[in-house]
């Protein structure tokens, strides 16, 4: 069986996947708290505003709907 997995390049879900999910959820919560004000959300989360914009695009959240 190990040969079969190696042959298919099977890899179990990575820790990065879970971290990305948690990061995405934190961004959503910060955007809710900030009422979609990206400057305020960035100050809540800690990274710079350009970093927040990058993460919003990464997770497909760049077009957040008003809450």
PDB file of N, CA and C in Angstrom:
ATOM      1  N   UNK A   1       0.806  -1.205   0.000  1.00  0.00           N
ATOM      2  CA  UNK A   1       0.000   0.000   0.000  1.00  0.00           C
ATOM      3  C   UNK A   1       0.850   1.271   0.000  1.00  0.00           C
ATOM      4  N   UNK A   2       1.947   1.364   0.754  1.00  0.00           N
ATOM      5  CA  UNK A   2       2.758   2.577   0.721  1.00  0.00           C
ATOM      6  C   UNK A   2       3.243   2.907  -0.697  1.00  0.00           C
ATOM      7  N   UNK A   3       3.557   1.874  -1.478  1.00  0.00           N
ATOM      8  CA  UNK A   3       3.994   2.125  -2.845  1.00  0.00           C
ATOM      9  C   UNK A   3       2.871   2.793  -3.634  1.00  0.00           C
ATOM     10  N   UNK A   4       1.648   2.351  -3.407  1.00  0.00           N
ATOM     11  CA  UNK A   4       0.505   2.917  -4.120  1.00  0.00           C
ATOM     12  C   UNK A   4       0.368   4.415  -3.805  1.00  0.00           C
ATOM     13  N   UNK A   5       0.476   4.776  -2.543  1.00  0.00           N
ATOM     14  CA  UNK A   5       0.378   6.185  -2.161  1.00  0.00           C
ATOM     15  C   UNK A   5       1.521   6.995  -2.756  1.00  0.00           C
ATOM     16  N   UNK A   6       2.713   6.458  -2.703  1.00  0.00           N
ATOM     17  CA  UNK A   6       3.861   7.170  -3.261  1.00  0.00           C
ATOM     18  C   UNK A   6       3.697   7.345  -4.760  1.00  0.00           C
ATOM     19  N   UNK A   7       3.151   6.343  -5.407  1.00  0.00           N
ATOM     20  CA  UNK A   7       2.957   6.403  -6.845  1.00  0.00           C
ATOM     21  C   UNK A   7       1.972   7.513  -7.224  1.00  0.00           C
ATOM     22  N   UNK A   8       0.949   7.736  -6.406  1.00  0.00           N
ATOM     23  CA  UNK A   8      -0.055   8.764  -6.685  1.00  0.00           C
ATOM     24  C   UNK A   8       0.321  10.130  -6.107  1.00  0.00           C
ATOM     25  N   UNK A   9       1.447  10.199  -5.448  1.00  0.00           N
ATOM     26  CA  UNK A   9       1.894  11.428  -4.787  1.00  0.00           C
ATOM     27  C   UNK A   9       0.864  11.902  -3.770  1.00  0.00           C
ATOM     28  N   UNK A  10       0.301  10.929  -3.047  1.00  0.00           N
ATOM     29  CA  UNK A  10      -0.692  11.226  -2.031  1.00  0.00           C
ATOM     30  C   UNK A  10      -0.022  11.893  -0.844  1.00  0.00           C
ATOM     31  N   UNK A  11      -0.625  12.990  -0.399  1.00  0.00           N
ATOM     32  CA  UNK A  11      -0.151  13.643   0.807  1.00  0.00           C
ATOM     33  C   UNK A  11      -1.365  13.948   1.676  1.00  0.00           C
ATOM     34  N   UNK A  12      -1.271  13.677   2.957  1.00  0.00           N
ATOM     35  CA  UNK A  12      -2.398  13.998   3.828  1.00  0.00           C
ATOM     36  C   UNK A  12      -2.609  15.511   3.877  1.00  0.00           C
ATOM     37  N   UNK A  13      -3.810  15.954   4.264  1.00  0.00           N
ATOM     38  CA  UNK A  13      -4.045  17.402   4.353  1.00  0.00           C
ATOM     39  C   UNK A  13      -2.996  18.051   5.244  1.00  0.00           C
ATOM     40  N   UNK A  14      -2.480  19.127   4.787  1.00  0.00           N
ATOM     41  CA  UNK A  14      -1.386  19.760   5.520  1.00  0.00           C
ATOM     42  C   UNK A  14      -1.910  20.655   6.626  1.00  0.00           C
ATOM     43  N   UNK A  15      -1.019  20.963   7.507  1.00  0.00           N
ATOM     44  CA  UNK A  15      -1.331  21.886   8.591  1.00  0.00           C
ATOM     45  C   UNK A  15      -1.612  23.270   8.012  1.00  0.00           C
ATOM     46  N   UNK A  16      -0.962  23.598   6.918  1.00  0.00           N
ATOM     47  CA  UNK A  16      -1.153  24.891   6.277  1.00  0.00           C
ATOM     48  C   UNK A  16      -2.607  25.096   5.880  1.00  0.00           C
ATOM     49  N   UNK A  17      -3.260  24.055   5.435  1.00  0.00           N
ATOM     50  CA  UNK A  17      -4.666  24.141   5.053  1.00  0.00           C
ATOM     51  C   UNK A  17      -5.509  24.589   6.244  1.00  0.00           C
ATOM     52  N   UNK A  18      -5.284  24.001   7.399  1.00  0.00           N
ATOM     53  CA  UNK A  18      -6.024  24.389   8.603  1.00  0.00           C
ATOM     54  C   UNK A  18      -5.678  25.810   9.009  1.00  0.00           C
ATOM     55  N   UNK A  19      -4.404  26.181   8.909  1.00  0.00           N
ATOM     56  CA  UNK A  19      -3.985  27.530   9.266  1.00  0.00           C
ATOM     57  C   UNK A  19      -4.632  28.548   8.334  1.00  0.00           C
ATOM     58  N   UNK A  20      -4.717  28.224   7.044  1.00  0.00           N
ATOM     59  CA  UNK A  20      -5.360  29.121   6.097  1.00  0.00           C
ATOM     60  C   UNK A  20      -6.832  29.295   6.444  1.00  0.00           C
ATOM     61  N   UNK A  21      -7.478  28.217   6.821  1.00  0.00           N
ATOM     62  CA  UNK A  21      -8.885  28.273   7.190  1.00  0.00           C
ATOM     63  C   UNK A  21      -9.085  29.158   8.414  1.00  0.00           C
ATOM     64  N   UNK A  22      -8.212  29.017   9.386  1.00  0.00           N
ATOM     65  CA  UNK A  22      -8.296  29.823  10.596  1.00  0.00           C
ATOM     66  C   UNK A  22      -8.000  31.289  10.278  1.00  0.00           C
ATOM     67  N   UNK A  23      -7.010  31.541   9.445  1.00  0.00           N
ATOM     68  CA  UNK A  23      -6.656  32.901   9.042  1.00  0.00           C
ATOM     69  C   UNK A  23      -7.832  33.556   8.320  1.00  0.00           C
ATOM     70  N   UNK A  24      -8.464  32.811   7.427  1.00  0.00           N
ATOM     71  CA  UNK A  24      -9.615  33.316   6.680  1.00  0.00           C
ATOM     72  C   UNK A  24     -10.754  33.688   7.636  1.00  0.00           C
ATOM     73  N   UNK A  25     -11.023  32.815   8.605  1.00  0.00           N
ATOM     74  CA  UNK A  25     -12.092  33.072   9.563  1.00  0.00           C
ATOM     75  C   UNK A  25     -11.784  34.302  10.412  1.00  0.00           C
ATOM     76  N   UNK A  26     -10.536  34.480  10.811  1.00  0.00           N
ATOM     77  CA  UNK A  26     -10.155  35.657  11.597  1.00  0.00           C
ATOM     78  C   UNK A  26     -10.359  36.932  10.788  1.00  0.00           C
ATOM     79  N   UNK A  27     -10.055  36.886   9.510  1.00  0.00           N
ATOM     80  CA  UNK A  27     -10.251  38.052   8.652  1.00  0.00           C
ATOM     81  C   UNK A  27     -11.739  38.372   8.536  1.00  0.00           C
ATOM     82  N   UNK A  28     -12.561  37.351   8.359  1.00  0.00           N
ATOM     83  CA  UNK A  28     -14.009  37.559   8.263  1.00  0.00           C
ATOM     84  C   UNK A  28     -14.534  38.208   9.543  1.00  0.00           C
ATOM     85  N   UNK A  29     -14.101  37.698  10.692  1.00  0.00           N
ATOM     86  CA  UNK A  29     -14.548  38.249  11.967  1.00  0.00           C
ATOM     87  C   UNK A  29     -14.080  39.694  12.144  1.00  0.00           C
ATOM     88  N   UNK A  30     -12.840  39.987  11.770  1.00  0.00           N
ATOM     89  CA  UNK A  30     -12.329  41.354  11.886  1.00  0.00           C
ATOM     90  C   UNK A  30     -13.091  42.305  10.969  1.00  0.00           C
ATOM     91  N   UNK A  31     -13.417  41.827   9.769  1.00  0.00           N
ATOM     92  CA  UNK A  31     -14.183  42.669   8.840  1.00  0.00           C
ATOM     93  C   UNK A  31     -15.582  42.940   9.394  1.00  0.00           C
ATOM     94  N   UNK A  32     -16.174  41.958  10.064  1.00  0.00           N
ATOM     95  CA  UNK A  32     -17.490  42.172  10.689  1.00  0.00           C
ATOM     96  C   UNK A  32     -17.392  43.206  11.804  1.00  0.00           C
ATOM     97  N   UNK A  33     -16.379  43.039  12.668  1.00  0.00           N
ATOM     98  CA  UNK A  33     -16.190  43.987  13.769  1.00  0.00           C
ATOM     99  C   UNK A  33     -15.935  45.402  13.254  1.00  0.00           C
ATOM    100  N   UNK A  34     -15.206  45.496  12.146  1.00  0.00           N
ATOM    101  CA  UNK A  34     -14.843  46.796  11.585  1.00  0.00           C
ATOM    102  C   UNK A  34     -15.905  47.333  10.635  1.00  0.00           C
ATOM    103  N   UNK A  35     -17.015  46.616  10.509  1.00  0.00           N
ATOM    104  CA  UNK A  35     -18.088  46.998   9.586  1.00  0.00           C
ATOM    105  C   UNK A  35     -17.535  47.232   8.175  1.00  0.00           C
ATOM    106  N   UNK A  36     -16.663  46.294   7.757  1.00  0.00           N
ATOM    107  CA  UNK A  36     -16.027  46.271   6.430  1.00  0.00           C
ATOM    108  C   UNK A  36     -15.068  47.427   6.169  1.00  0.00           C
ATOM    109  N   UNK A  37     -14.636  48.103   7.222  1.00  0.00           N
ATOM    110  CA  UNK A  37     -13.608  49.135   7.080  1.00  0.00           C
ATOM    111  C   UNK A  37     -12.257  48.421   7.118  1.00  0.00           C
ATOM    112  N   UNK A  38     -11.588  48.370   5.971  1.00  0.00           N
ATOM    113  CA  UNK A  38     -10.352  47.588   5.858  1.00  0.00           C
ATOM    114  C   UNK A  38      -9.224  48.163   6.704  1.00  0.00           C
ATOM    115  N   UNK A  39      -9.166  49.468   6.864  1.00  0.00           N
ATOM    116  CA  UNK A  39      -8.129  50.073   7.700  1.00  0.00           C
ATOM    117  C   UNK A  39      -8.307  49.648   9.153  1.00  0.00           C
ATOM    118  N   UNK A  40      -9.545  49.671   9.628  1.00  0.00           N
ATOM    119  CA  UNK A  40      -9.832  49.263  11.003  1.00  0.00           C
ATOM    120  C   UNK A  40      -9.588  47.764  11.165  1.00  0.00           C
ATOM    121  N   UNK A  41     -10.019  46.968  10.190  1.00  0.00           N
ATOM    122  CA  UNK A  41      -9.807  45.518  10.255  1.00  0.00           C
ATOM    123  C   UNK A  41      -8.316  45.192  10.308  1.00  0.00           C
ATOM    124  N   UNK A  42      -7.520  45.909   9.530  1.00  0.00           N
ATOM    125  CA  UNK A  42      -6.065  45.684   9.555  1.00  0.00           C
ATOM    126  C   UNK A  42      -5.500  46.015  10.931  1.00  0.00           C
ATOM    127  N   UNK A  43      -5.992  47.070  11.564  1.00  0.00           N
ATOM    128  CA  UNK A  43      -5.483  47.409  12.897  1.00  0.00           C
ATOM    129  C   UNK A  43      -5.910  46.377  13.935  1.00  0.00           C
ATOM    130  N   UNK A  44      -7.080  45.761  13.745  1.00  0.00           N
ATOM    131  CA  UNK A  44      -7.528  44.698  14.651  1.00  0.00           C
ATOM    132  C   UNK A  44      -6.631  43.469  14.510  1.00  0.00           C
ATOM    133  N   UNK A  45      -6.329  43.109  13.264  1.00  0.00           N
ATOM    134  CA  UNK A  45      -5.559  41.888  12.987  1.00  0.00           C
ATOM    135  C   UNK A  45      -4.065  42.055  13.221  1.00  0.00           C
ATOM    136  N   UNK A  46      -3.561  43.248  12.992  1.00  0.00           N
ATOM    137  CA  UNK A  46      -2.134  43.463  13.193  1.00  0.00           C
ATOM    138  C   UNK A  46      -1.318  43.724  11.936  1.00  0.00           C
ATOM    139  N   UNK A  47      -1.615  43.072  10.803  1.00  0.00           N
ATOM    140  CA  UNK A  47      -0.777  43.333   9.630  1.00  0.00           C
ATOM    141  C   UNK A  47      -1.091  44.703   9.034  1.00  0.00           C
ATOM    142  N   UNK A  48      -0.277  45.118   8.097  1.00  0.00           N
ATOM    143  CA  UNK A  48      -0.523  46.394   7.432  1.00  0.00           C
ATOM    144  C   UNK A  48      -1.739  46.279   6.521  1.00  0.00           C
ATOM    145  N   UNK A  49      -2.264  47.410   6.128  1.00  0.00           N
ATOM    146  CA  UNK A  49      -3.431  47.417   5.248  1.00  0.00           C
ATOM    147  C   UNK A  49      -3.146  46.720   3.919  1.00  0.00           C
ATOM    148  N   UNK A  50      -1.975  46.968   3.279  1.00  0.00           N
ATOM    149  CA  UNK A  50      -1.697  46.233   2.036  1.00  0.00           C
ATOM    150  C   UNK A  50      -1.650  44.715   2.232  1.00  0.00           C
ATOM    151  N   UNK A  51      -1.170  44.264   3.384  1.00  0.00           N
ATOM    152  CA  UNK A  51      -1.152  42.831   3.676  1.00  0.00           C
ATOM    153  C   UNK A  51      -2.574  42.306   3.795  1.00  0.00           C
ATOM    154  N   UNK A  52      -3.447  43.064   4.435  1.00  0.00           N
ATOM    155  CA  UNK A  52      -4.847  42.656   4.547  1.00  0.00           C
ATOM    156  C   UNK A  52      -5.477  42.567   3.163  1.00  0.00           C
ATOM    157  N   UNK A  53      -5.222  43.549   2.294  1.00  0.00           N
ATOM    158  CA  UNK A  53      -5.767  43.503   0.931  1.00  0.00           C
ATOM    159  C   UNK A  53      -5.297  42.238   0.216  1.00  0.00           C
ATOM    160  N   UNK A  54      -4.035  41.891   0.397  1.00  0.00           N
ATOM    161  CA  UNK A  54      -3.485  40.687  -0.232  1.00  0.00           C
ATOM    162  C   UNK A  54      -4.191  39.435   0.274  1.00  0.00           C
ATOM    163  N   UNK A  55      -4.397  39.358   1.577  1.00  0.00           N
ATOM    164  CA  UNK A  55      -5.079  38.189   2.152  1.00  0.00           C
ATOM    165  C   UNK A  55      -6.541  38.133   1.731  1.00  0.00           C
ATOM    166  N   UNK A  56      -7.180  39.283   1.618  1.00  0.00           N
ATOM    167  CA  UNK A  56      -8.571  39.305   1.151  1.00  0.00           C
ATOM    168  C   UNK A  56      -8.665  38.714  -0.251  1.00  0.00           C
ATOM    169  N   UNK A  57      -7.723  39.085  -1.117  1.00  0.00           N
ATOM    170  CA  UNK A  57      -7.714  38.520  -2.479  1.00  0.00           C
ATOM    171  C   UNK A  57      -7.417  37.029  -2.436  1.00  0.00           C
ATOM    172  N   UNK A  58      -6.453  36.634  -1.600  1.00  0.00           N
ATOM    173  CA  UNK A  58      -6.051  35.230  -1.497  1.00  0.00           C
ATOM    174  C   UNK A  58      -7.228  34.331  -1.132  1.00  0.00           C
ATOM    175  N   UNK A  59      -8.070  34.798  -0.221  1.00  0.00           N
ATOM    176  CA  UNK A  59      -9.194  33.991   0.250  1.00  0.00           C
ATOM    177  C   UNK A  59     -10.499  34.320  -0.464  1.00  0.00           C
ATOM    178  N   UNK A  60     -10.433  35.130  -1.499  1.00  0.00           N
ATOM    179  CA  UNK A  60     -11.630  35.459  -2.257  1.00  0.00           C
ATOM    180  C   UNK A  60     -12.608  36.322  -1.484  1.00  0.00           C
ATOM    181  N   UNK A  61     -12.102  37.153  -0.609  1.00  0.00           N
ATOM    182  CA  UNK A  61     -12.939  38.002   0.244  1.00  0.00           C
ATOM    183  C   UNK A  61     -12.861  39.463  -0.164  1.00  0.00           C
ATOM    184  N   UNK A  62     -12.268  39.769  -1.290  1.00  0.00           N
ATOM    185  CA  UNK A  62     -12.050  41.158  -1.660  1.00  0.00           C
ATOM    186  C   UNK A  62     -13.346  41.914  -1.882  1.00  0.00           C
ATOM    187  N   UNK A  63     -14.414  41.206  -2.172  1.00  0.00           N
ATOM    188  CA  UNK A  63     -15.717  41.849  -2.377  1.00  0.00           C
ATOM    189  C   UNK A  63     -16.633  41.507  -1.200  1.00  0.00           C
ATOM    190  N   UNK A  64     -16.221  41.868   0.005  1.00  0.00           N
ATOM    191  CA  UNK A  64     -17.034  41.576   1.183  1.00  0.00           C
ATOM    192  C   UNK A  64     -18.321  42.385   1.134  1.00  0.00           C
ATOM    193  N   UNK A  65     -19.389  41.741   1.491  1.00  0.00           N
ATOM    194  CA  UNK A  65     -20.695  42.387   1.528  1.00  0.00           C
ATOM    195  C   UNK A  65     -20.845  43.125   2.860  1.00  0.00           C
ATOM    196  N   UNK A  66     -21.529  44.252   2.855  1.00  0.00           N
ATOM    197  CA  UNK A  66     -21.761  44.960   4.124  1.00  0.00           C
ATOM    198  C   UNK A  66     -22.531  44.078   5.100  1.00  0.00           C
ATOM    199  N   UNK A  67     -22.235  44.225   6.389  1.00  0.00           N
ATOM    200  CA  UNK A  67     -22.918  43.420   7.408  1.00  0.00           C
ATOM    201  C   UNK A  67     -24.006  44.217   8.072  1.00  0.00           C
TER     202      UNK A  67
END
